[in-house]
Amino acid sequence: MKAVLICVTGMPGAGKSEVAMRIAKRLNAKLLNMGDFVRSEALRRGIPIDRENLMRLANELREEMGPDAVAKLVLASIVEGSLYVIDGVRNLEEVDTFRSKTSVILIAVHASPKERFKRLLSRGREDDPKNYQEFLERDLKELKLGLGNVIAMADLIVVNQGRDIESVVEEALRMIEEVLKDVHAKSDV
């Protein structure tokens, strides 16, 4: 039986990592963060880990291995018949690569730009934007990578705004369970 990947995507600050982590925990699935694979590659190459270097390396990997480079790195660690939650899919080529070897459920987490900016400011990571102009520039970089296309093609969409995270996760899990029934039914044929 193929592995099943629940791929979680969304714009920065939408809450995708939090949703992915909680879904993985609730489904007893292994959580894989695509950015961790880029960080591992940076360590392997002796590149200092900061946002600029990681973005540069991710782009270099895409030039060397194609737009699905990070997905190829992730696939190398996937075990058939297992359930995974993948955090951080950024382009349709990655989704297509995953779909070529596994069963994929693509879920997008959405929040308004105003809400996402507020969250990014409050979480205080060093690489988060310091003002709205930086925020917009970061969003445009993500969209140029193809993130908007991935969100538009998602199998499921949850809105993470105006309610607590647990209700967002509950909604996502209900939708995922429905899709998983179809995935399991197809694999039984």
Foldseek 3Di string as FASTA:
>chain_A
DFEEEEEEAEFAQLCRVVLLVVLCVVVVAAEAELLVLLVVVCVVVVHDDDPVRSVVSLVVQCVVPNLLRSLVSVVVPDDGPGYYYYYDDQAVVVVVVCVVGHHYAYEYRDEDLVNSLVSLCVVDDPPGDPDVVVSVVSRVVSVVSHRVVSNVPGPYYFYDPDDDPVVSSVVVVVVVVVVVVVVVVVVVD
